[in-house]
Amino acid sequence: MPTSPQPSVEEILTRQRIADAFATLANPGSDNTRVRLEEDERRSVARAVDRSDHHLAAFAHTILDEWDQLDLDDQVAGLLLFAEIANHSRNAKRELGVQR
């Protein structure tokens, strides 16, 4: 049985998902599916963090490792951190492309 490709970090960390995650902070009893990270999403985020030279990359791995034990507000902050690291990496690649 063929496996589906893992989602890209851009597909995982959308602005809408992060906005929805923030909305769960106002109503913690609501559906937290936008904050939950599935295993394939965690692997994609971990790969993006591995490729990054961001100064908080090691800390991001710690957050991923402890994801299921984190409080909701820490998970939302984690999503923001992962998005920051992904954006940092994309911007660094873009700058390298311009310098060539």
C-alpha atoms as a PDB file:
ATOM      1  CA  MET A   1       0.000   0.000   0.000  1.00  0.00           C
ATOM      2  CA  PRO A   2       1.554   3.329  -1.007  1.00  0.00           C
ATOM      3  CA  THR A   3       2.054   5.854   1.736  1.00  0.00           C
ATOM      4  CA  SER A   4       0.987   9.426   1.293  1.00  0.00           C
ATOM      5  CA  PRO A   5       3.753  12.014   1.200  1.00  0.00           C
ATOM      6  CA  GLN A   6       4.424  13.840   4.417  1.00  0.00           C
ATOM      7  CA  PRO A   7       2.954  17.332   4.524  1.00  0.00           C
ATOM      8  CA  SER A   8       5.318  20.229   4.089  1.00  0.00           C
ATOM      9  CA  VAL A   9       5.925  22.556   6.981  1.00  0.00           C
ATOM     10  CA  GLU A  10       4.151  25.279   4.973  1.00  0.00           C
ATOM     11  CA  GLU A  11       1.038  23.098   4.817  1.00  0.00           C
ATOM     12  CA  ILE A  12       1.206  22.419   8.541  1.00  0.00           C
ATOM     13  CA  LEU A  13       1.948  25.888   9.897  1.00  0.00           C
ATOM     14  CA  THR A  14      -0.570  27.976   8.013  1.00  0.00           C
ATOM     15  CA  ARG A  15      -1.723  31.347   9.263  1.00  0.00           C
ATOM     16  CA  GLN A  16      -5.224  29.960   9.586  1.00  0.00           C
ATOM     17  CA  ARG A  17      -4.090  27.070  11.743  1.00  0.00           C
ATOM     18  CA  ILE A  18      -2.157  29.392  14.040  1.00  0.00           C
ATOM     19  CA  ALA A  19      -5.136  31.774  14.243  1.00  0.00           C
ATOM     20  CA  ASP A  20      -7.385  28.827  15.105  1.00  0.00           C
ATOM     21  CA  ALA A  21      -4.879  27.704  17.719  1.00  0.00           C
ATOM     22  CA  PHE A  22      -5.004  31.151  19.322  1.00  0.00           C
ATOM     23  CA  ALA A  23      -8.793  30.977  19.293  1.00  0.00           C
ATOM     24  CA  THR A  24      -8.632  27.803  21.386  1.00  0.00           C
ATOM     25  CA  LEU A  25      -6.899  29.795  24.127  1.00  0.00           C
ATOM     26  CA  ALA A  26     -10.062  31.847  24.549  1.00  0.00           C
ATOM     27  CA  ASN A  27     -12.144  28.675  24.747  1.00  0.00           C
ATOM     28  CA  PRO A  28      -9.890  25.864  26.031  1.00  0.00           C
ATOM     29  CA  GLY A  29     -12.750  23.379  26.165  1.00  0.00           C
ATOM     30  CA  SER A  30     -13.257  23.665  22.428  1.00  0.00           C
ATOM     31  CA  ASP A  31     -11.892  21.345  19.752  1.00  0.00           C
ATOM     32  CA  ASN A  32      -8.096  21.428  19.925  1.00  0.00           C
ATOM     33  CA  THR A  33      -7.450  19.707  16.597  1.00  0.00           C
ATOM     34  CA  ARG A  34      -5.690  22.777  15.196  1.00  0.00           C
ATOM     35  CA  VAL A  35      -3.111  22.552  17.972  1.00  0.00           C
ATOM     36  CA  ARG A  36      -2.612  18.792  17.886  1.00  0.00           C
ATOM     37  CA  LEU A  37       0.293  17.581  15.768  1.00  0.00           C
ATOM     38  CA  GLU A  38       0.005  14.195  14.105  1.00  0.00           C
ATOM     39  CA  GLU A  39       3.107  12.017  13.806  1.00  0.00           C
ATOM     40  CA  ASP A  40       3.692  12.852  10.132  1.00  0.00           C
ATOM     41  CA  GLU A  41       3.380  16.559  10.949  1.00  0.00           C
ATOM     42  CA  ARG A  42       5.883  16.209  13.792  1.00  0.00           C
ATOM     43  CA  ARG A  43       8.353  14.508  11.463  1.00  0.00           C
ATOM     44  CA  SER A  44       7.982  17.298   8.911  1.00  0.00           C
ATOM     45  CA  VAL A  45       8.456  19.995  11.539  1.00  0.00           C
ATOM     46  CA  ALA A  46      11.439  18.114  12.992  1.00  0.00           C
ATOM     47  CA  ARG A  47      13.069  17.927   9.538  1.00  0.00           C
ATOM     48  CA  ALA A  48      12.539  21.665   9.028  1.00  0.00           C
ATOM     49  CA  VAL A  49      14.046  22.381  12.447  1.00  0.00           C
ATOM     50  CA  ASP A  50      16.998  20.070  11.689  1.00  0.00           C
ATOM     51  CA  ARG A  51      17.773  22.020   8.517  1.00  0.00           C
ATOM     52  CA  SER A  52      17.599  25.379  10.271  1.00  0.00           C
ATOM     53  CA  ASP A  53      20.440  27.369  11.782  1.00  0.00           C
ATOM     54  CA  HIS A  54      17.956  29.276  13.965  1.00  0.00           C
ATOM     55  CA  HIS A  55      19.309  29.813  17.475  1.00  0.00           C
ATOM     56  CA  LEU A  56      16.189  28.220  19.038  1.00  0.00           C
ATOM     57  CA  ALA A  57      16.250  25.043  16.917  1.00  0.00           C
ATOM     58  CA  ALA A  58      17.472  22.828  19.774  1.00  0.00           C
ATOM     59  CA  PHE A  59      14.751  24.198  22.033  1.00  0.00           C
ATOM     60  CA  ALA A  60      12.181  23.524  19.303  1.00  0.00           C
ATOM     61  CA  HIS A  61      13.205  19.853  19.324  1.00  0.00           C
ATOM     62  CA  THR A  62      12.604  19.747  23.072  1.00  0.00           C
ATOM     63  CA  ILE A  63       9.121  21.157  22.527  1.00  0.00           C
ATOM     64  CA  LEU A  64       8.407  18.540  19.863  1.00  0.00           C
ATOM     65  CA  ASP A  65       9.640  15.756  22.139  1.00  0.00           C
ATOM     66  CA  GLU A  66       7.355  16.902  24.968  1.00  0.00           C
ATOM     67  CA  TRP A  67       4.411  17.958  22.781  1.00  0.00           C
ATOM     68  CA  ASP A  68       1.775  15.658  24.252  1.00  0.00           C
ATOM     69  CA  GLN A  69       2.615  16.716  27.803  1.00  0.00           C
ATOM     70  CA  LEU A  70       2.534  20.473  27.136  1.00  0.00           C
ATOM     71  CA  ASP A  71      -0.305  22.717  28.207  1.00  0.00           C
ATOM     72  CA  LEU A  72      -2.418  24.254  25.466  1.00  0.00           C
ATOM     73  CA  ASP A  73      -0.778  27.676  25.739  1.00  0.00           C
ATOM     74  CA  ASP A  74       2.682  26.120  25.403  1.00  0.00           C
ATOM     75  CA  GLN A  75       1.558  24.197  22.328  1.00  0.00           C
ATOM     76  CA  VAL A  76       0.280  27.405  20.726  1.00  0.00           C
ATOM     77  CA  ALA A  77       3.597  29.085  21.525  1.00  0.00           C
ATOM     78  CA  GLY A  78       5.340  26.049  20.026  1.00  0.00           C
ATOM     79  CA  LEU A  79       3.418  26.426  16.770  1.00  0.00           C
ATOM     80  CA  LEU A  80       4.557  30.056  16.623  1.00  0.00           C
ATOM     81  CA  LEU A  81       8.154  29.032  17.271  1.00  0.00           C
ATOM     82  CA  PHE A  82       8.042  26.366  14.566  1.00  0.00           C
ATOM     83  CA  ALA A  83       6.620  28.927  12.112  1.00  0.00           C
ATOM     84  CA  GLU A  84       9.361  31.406  13.038  1.00  0.00           C
ATOM     85  CA  ILE A  85      12.057  28.793  12.462  1.00  0.00           C
ATOM     86  CA  ALA A  86      10.531  27.781   9.115  1.00  0.00           C
ATOM     87  CA  ASN A  87      10.316  31.431   8.008  1.00  0.00           C
ATOM     88  CA  HIS A  88      13.892  32.044   9.138  1.00  0.00           C
ATOM     89  CA  SER A  89      15.099  29.134   7.013  1.00  0.00           C
ATOM     90  CA  ARG A  90      13.114  30.258   3.947  1.00  0.00           C
ATOM     91  CA  ASN A  91      14.437  33.819   4.285  1.00  0.00           C
ATOM     92  CA  ALA A  92      18.014  32.588   4.684  1.00  0.00           C
ATOM     93  CA  LYS A  93      17.710  30.498   1.511  1.00  0.00           C
ATOM     94  CA  ARG A  94      16.219  33.458  -0.356  1.00  0.00           C
ATOM     95  CA  GLU A  95      19.084  35.710   0.747  1.00  0.00           C
ATOM     96  CA  LEU A  96      21.649  33.135  -0.348  1.00  0.00           C
ATOM     97  CA  GLY A  97      19.969  32.990  -3.752  1.00  0.00           C
ATOM     98  CA  VAL A  98      20.209  36.762  -4.127  1.00  0.00           C
ATOM     99  CA  GLN A  99      23.893  36.849  -3.212  1.00  0.00           C
ATOM    100  CA  ARG A 100      24.934  34.462  -5.978  1.00  0.00           C
END
